[in-house]
Amino acid sequence: MAHRPSPPHKPVSLPLPHCAISPPTLTSGLTVALPADYIGFCMHYQDRYLRYTRVRVADPGLSRELVETTLGSVAVNWADLLASPCPAAEAWAILGSVIAQAARGQAATSLSSVAYRILPALQADVVILRHRLCLSNEQTADLLGVEESVVTSQLRMAHRTMSGHPEHSPIPAATGLL
């Protein structure tokens, strides 16, 4: 059986997401083409990533920078993410890591940081996404790369933990945490 060469890759002319890395034009005149599925991923998630990051990091400029860094890392590791069981979960882990690294030197005083001190990261993420960003269980599950039942159970456990915690004691719903 003869081996057929792959057809040449043609760049897709989709609009680039505003948070993603712009493909550089090389000095030789070549343009680096980003995979269409990566561009679609960015277009689907970038706005929610940015909203979430703004809750975690008060500085809008830093928030944008962290999301750009995350999407750049996702681009560099795109093939590995696609080979993983859940690319959305892998990308969410990258975002969490980028935010955690940036937040290390900052004083944690925001209401969302209370959730991260009291709760495991997944529960705190669910609380922020559901109660601060007002995402549905389905949207939250999609963003985190988990099943909706995981969102429901994590939210239930978070409410139980926070209602009995002195630091929460209780934070009224009007404050935006719960």
Protein backbone atom coordinates (compact mmCIF):
# COMPACT_ATOMS: atom_id res chain seq x y z
CA MET A 1 0.00 0.00 0.00
CA ALA A 2 1.49 3.34 -1.05
CA HIS A 3 1.82 6.10 1.50
CA ARG A 4 -0.09 9.20 0.45
CA PRO A 5 1.33 12.53 1.52
CA SER A 6 -0.86 14.67 3.76
CA PRO A 7 -2.54 17.58 2.04
CA PRO A 8 -0.83 20.90 2.77
CA HIS A 9 -2.19 22.75 5.80
CA LYS A 10 -4.10 25.87 4.82
CA PRO A 11 -4.47 28.59 7.42
CA VAL A 12 -8.04 29.20 8.52
CA SER A 13 -9.16 32.81 8.27
CA LEU A 14 -11.21 32.98 11.45
CA PRO A 15 -11.02 36.09 13.58
CA LEU A 16 -8.44 35.71 16.32
CA PRO A 17 -9.71 35.81 19.88
CA HIS A 18 -8.67 39.06 21.52
CA CYS A 19 -6.98 37.29 24.46
CA ALA A 20 -5.04 34.74 22.47
CA ILE A 21 -1.52 35.04 21.19
CA SER A 22 -1.44 36.72 17.80
CA PRO A 23 0.41 34.57 15.29
CA PRO A 24 3.67 36.27 14.48
CA THR A 25 4.67 37.14 10.94
CA LEU A 26 8.14 35.78 10.52
CA THR A 27 10.89 37.75 8.77
CA SER A 28 10.76 35.29 5.90
CA GLY A 29 7.18 36.34 5.23
CA LEU A 30 5.65 33.19 6.67
CA THR A 31 2.65 33.45 8.98
CA VAL A 32 2.21 30.98 11.82
CA ALA A 33 -1.31 29.53 11.64
CA LEU A 34 -3.10 28.61 14.85
CA PRO A 35 -5.28 25.50 14.73
CA ALA A 36 -8.94 26.27 14.13
CA ASP A 37 -9.98 24.12 17.10
CA TYR A 38 -7.68 26.15 19.37
CA ILE A 39 -9.21 29.40 18.10
CA GLY A 40 -12.67 27.94 18.72
CA PHE A 41 -11.63 26.94 22.24
CA CYS A 42 -10.40 30.47 22.96
CA MET A 43 -13.54 32.05 21.58
CA HIS A 44 -15.68 29.74 23.72
CA TYR A 45 -13.82 30.17 27.03
CA GLN A 46 -11.84 33.43 27.06
CA ASP A 47 -14.60 35.77 28.24
CA ARG A 48 -15.56 33.53 31.17
CA TYR A 49 -11.88 33.02 32.00
CA LEU A 50 -11.47 36.78 32.11
CA ARG A 51 -14.58 37.34 34.26
CA TYR A 52 -13.42 34.63 36.68
CA THR A 53 -9.88 36.01 36.82
CA ARG A 54 -11.20 39.51 37.55
CA VAL A 55 -12.99 38.10 40.60
CA ARG A 56 -9.80 36.43 41.80
CA VAL A 57 -7.44 39.30 40.91
CA ALA A 58 -8.73 42.82 41.49
CA ASP A 59 -6.52 44.42 38.83
CA PRO A 60 -8.23 44.29 35.37
CA GLY A 61 -4.90 44.69 33.52
CA LEU A 62 -3.30 41.86 35.47
CA SER A 63 -6.40 39.73 34.95
CA ARG A 64 -6.15 40.16 31.18
CA GLU A 65 -2.43 39.38 31.29
CA LEU A 66 -3.06 36.17 33.28
CA VAL A 67 -5.71 34.99 30.83
CA GLU A 68 -3.39 35.75 27.90
CA THR A 69 -0.63 33.78 29.64
CA THR A 70 -3.03 30.90 30.21
CA LEU A 71 -4.21 30.82 26.60
CA GLY A 72 -0.61 31.05 25.43
CA SER A 73 0.26 28.03 27.56
CA VAL A 74 -2.80 26.22 26.24
CA ALA A 75 -1.62 26.99 22.67
CA VAL A 76 1.88 25.67 23.36
CA ASN A 77 0.44 22.48 24.88
CA TRP A 78 -2.55 22.18 22.54
CA ALA A 79 -1.72 18.73 21.15
CA ASP A 80 -1.25 17.30 24.66
CA LEU A 81 -4.49 18.91 25.88
CA LEU A 82 -6.42 17.41 22.98
CA ALA A 83 -4.97 13.99 23.79
CA SER A 84 -6.11 14.29 27.42
CA PRO A 85 -9.46 12.91 28.62
CA CYS A 86 -10.81 16.44 29.17
CA PRO A 87 -9.07 19.41 27.54
CA ALA A 88 -11.35 21.91 29.35
CA ALA A 89 -10.27 20.51 32.74
CA GLU A 90 -6.59 20.67 31.74
CA ALA A 91 -6.93 24.28 30.57
CA TRP A 92 -8.80 25.19 33.78
CA ALA A 93 -5.92 23.72 35.79
CA ILE A 94 -3.48 25.89 33.85
CA LEU A 95 -5.60 28.98 34.57
CA GLY A 96 -5.75 28.10 38.28
CA SER A 97 -1.99 27.62 38.40
CA VAL A 98 -1.31 30.93 36.64
CA ILE A 99 -3.66 32.78 39.01
CA ALA A 100 -2.20 31.08 42.11
CA GLN A 101 1.32 31.97 41.06
CA ALA A 102 0.36 35.63 40.52
CA ALA A 103 -1.58 35.79 43.80
CA ARG A 104 1.28 34.46 45.97
CA GLY A 105 2.72 37.89 46.66
CA GLN A 106 -0.59 39.67 47.11
CA ALA A 107 -2.51 40.09 50.34
CA ALA A 108 -5.66 37.97 50.21
CA THR A 109 -8.40 40.30 51.38
CA SER A 110 -11.19 39.88 48.85
CA LEU A 111 -14.32 37.93 49.65
CA SER A 112 -13.41 35.36 47.00
CA SER A 113 -10.10 34.72 48.75
CA VAL A 114 -12.08 33.80 51.88
CA ALA A 115 -13.63 30.96 49.88
CA TYR A 116 -10.17 29.72 48.82
CA ARG A 117 -8.88 29.80 52.40
CA ILE A 118 -11.88 27.84 53.73
CA LEU A 119 -12.67 25.45 50.88
CA PRO A 120 -10.83 23.04 48.60
CA ALA A 121 -10.04 24.72 45.26
CA LEU A 122 -12.77 22.94 43.27
CA GLN A 123 -15.45 23.91 45.78
CA ALA A 124 -14.24 27.52 45.86
CA ASP A 125 -14.22 27.60 42.04
CA VAL A 126 -17.79 26.32 41.95
CA VAL A 127 -18.92 28.91 44.52
CA ILE A 128 -17.30 31.75 42.57
CA LEU A 129 -18.62 30.59 39.20
CA ARG A 130 -22.16 29.96 40.42
CA HIS A 131 -22.61 32.83 42.89
CA ARG A 132 -20.30 35.60 41.70
CA LEU A 133 -20.46 35.03 37.95
CA CYS A 134 -24.04 33.68 38.02
CA LEU A 135 -23.23 30.78 35.70
CA SER A 136 -25.62 27.87 35.55
CA ASN A 137 -24.58 24.41 36.73
CA GLU A 138 -24.23 23.41 33.08
CA GLN A 139 -22.00 26.40 32.24
CA THR A 140 -19.92 25.85 35.37
CA ALA A 141 -19.45 22.17 34.55
CA ASP A 142 -18.44 23.03 30.97
CA LEU A 143 -15.87 25.58 32.14
CA LEU A 144 -14.38 23.26 34.79
CA GLY A 145 -14.48 20.19 32.55
CA VAL A 146 -16.58 18.16 35.00
CA GLU A 147 -20.04 16.61 35.09
CA GLU A 148 -22.98 18.72 36.30
CA SER A 149 -23.46 16.31 39.20
CA VAL A 150 -19.96 17.24 40.41
CA VAL A 151 -20.92 20.91 40.41
CA THR A 152 -24.09 20.17 42.37
CA SER A 153 -22.31 18.08 44.99
CA GLN A 154 -19.35 20.46 45.34
CA LEU A 155 -21.71 23.40 45.78
CA ARG A 156 -23.70 21.54 48.43
CA MET A 157 -20.50 20.66 50.34
CA ALA A 158 -19.22 24.24 50.07
CA HIS A 159 -22.45 25.66 51.47
CA ARG A 160 -22.29 23.19 54.36
CA THR A 161 -18.67 24.04 55.14
CA MET A 162 -19.08 27.81 54.82
CA SER A 163 -22.26 28.01 56.87
CA GLY A 164 -20.43 26.54 59.87
CA HIS A 165 -17.15 28.42 59.47
CA PRO A 166 -16.41 31.38 61.78
CA GLU A 167 -14.68 33.38 59.02
CA HIS A 168 -17.87 33.15 56.99
CA SER A 169 -20.18 33.65 59.96
CA PRO A 170 -22.40 34.03 57.72
CA ILE A 171 -21.51 36.28 54.80
CA PRO A 172 -24.84 37.57 53.50
CA ALA A 173 -25.79 36.81 49.91
CA ALA A 174 -25.72 40.55 49.16
CA THR A 175 -21.91 40.59 49.48
CA GLY A 176 -21.70 38.41 46.41
CA LEU A 177 -19.88 35.41 47.87
CA LEU A 178 -22.90 33.28 48.65
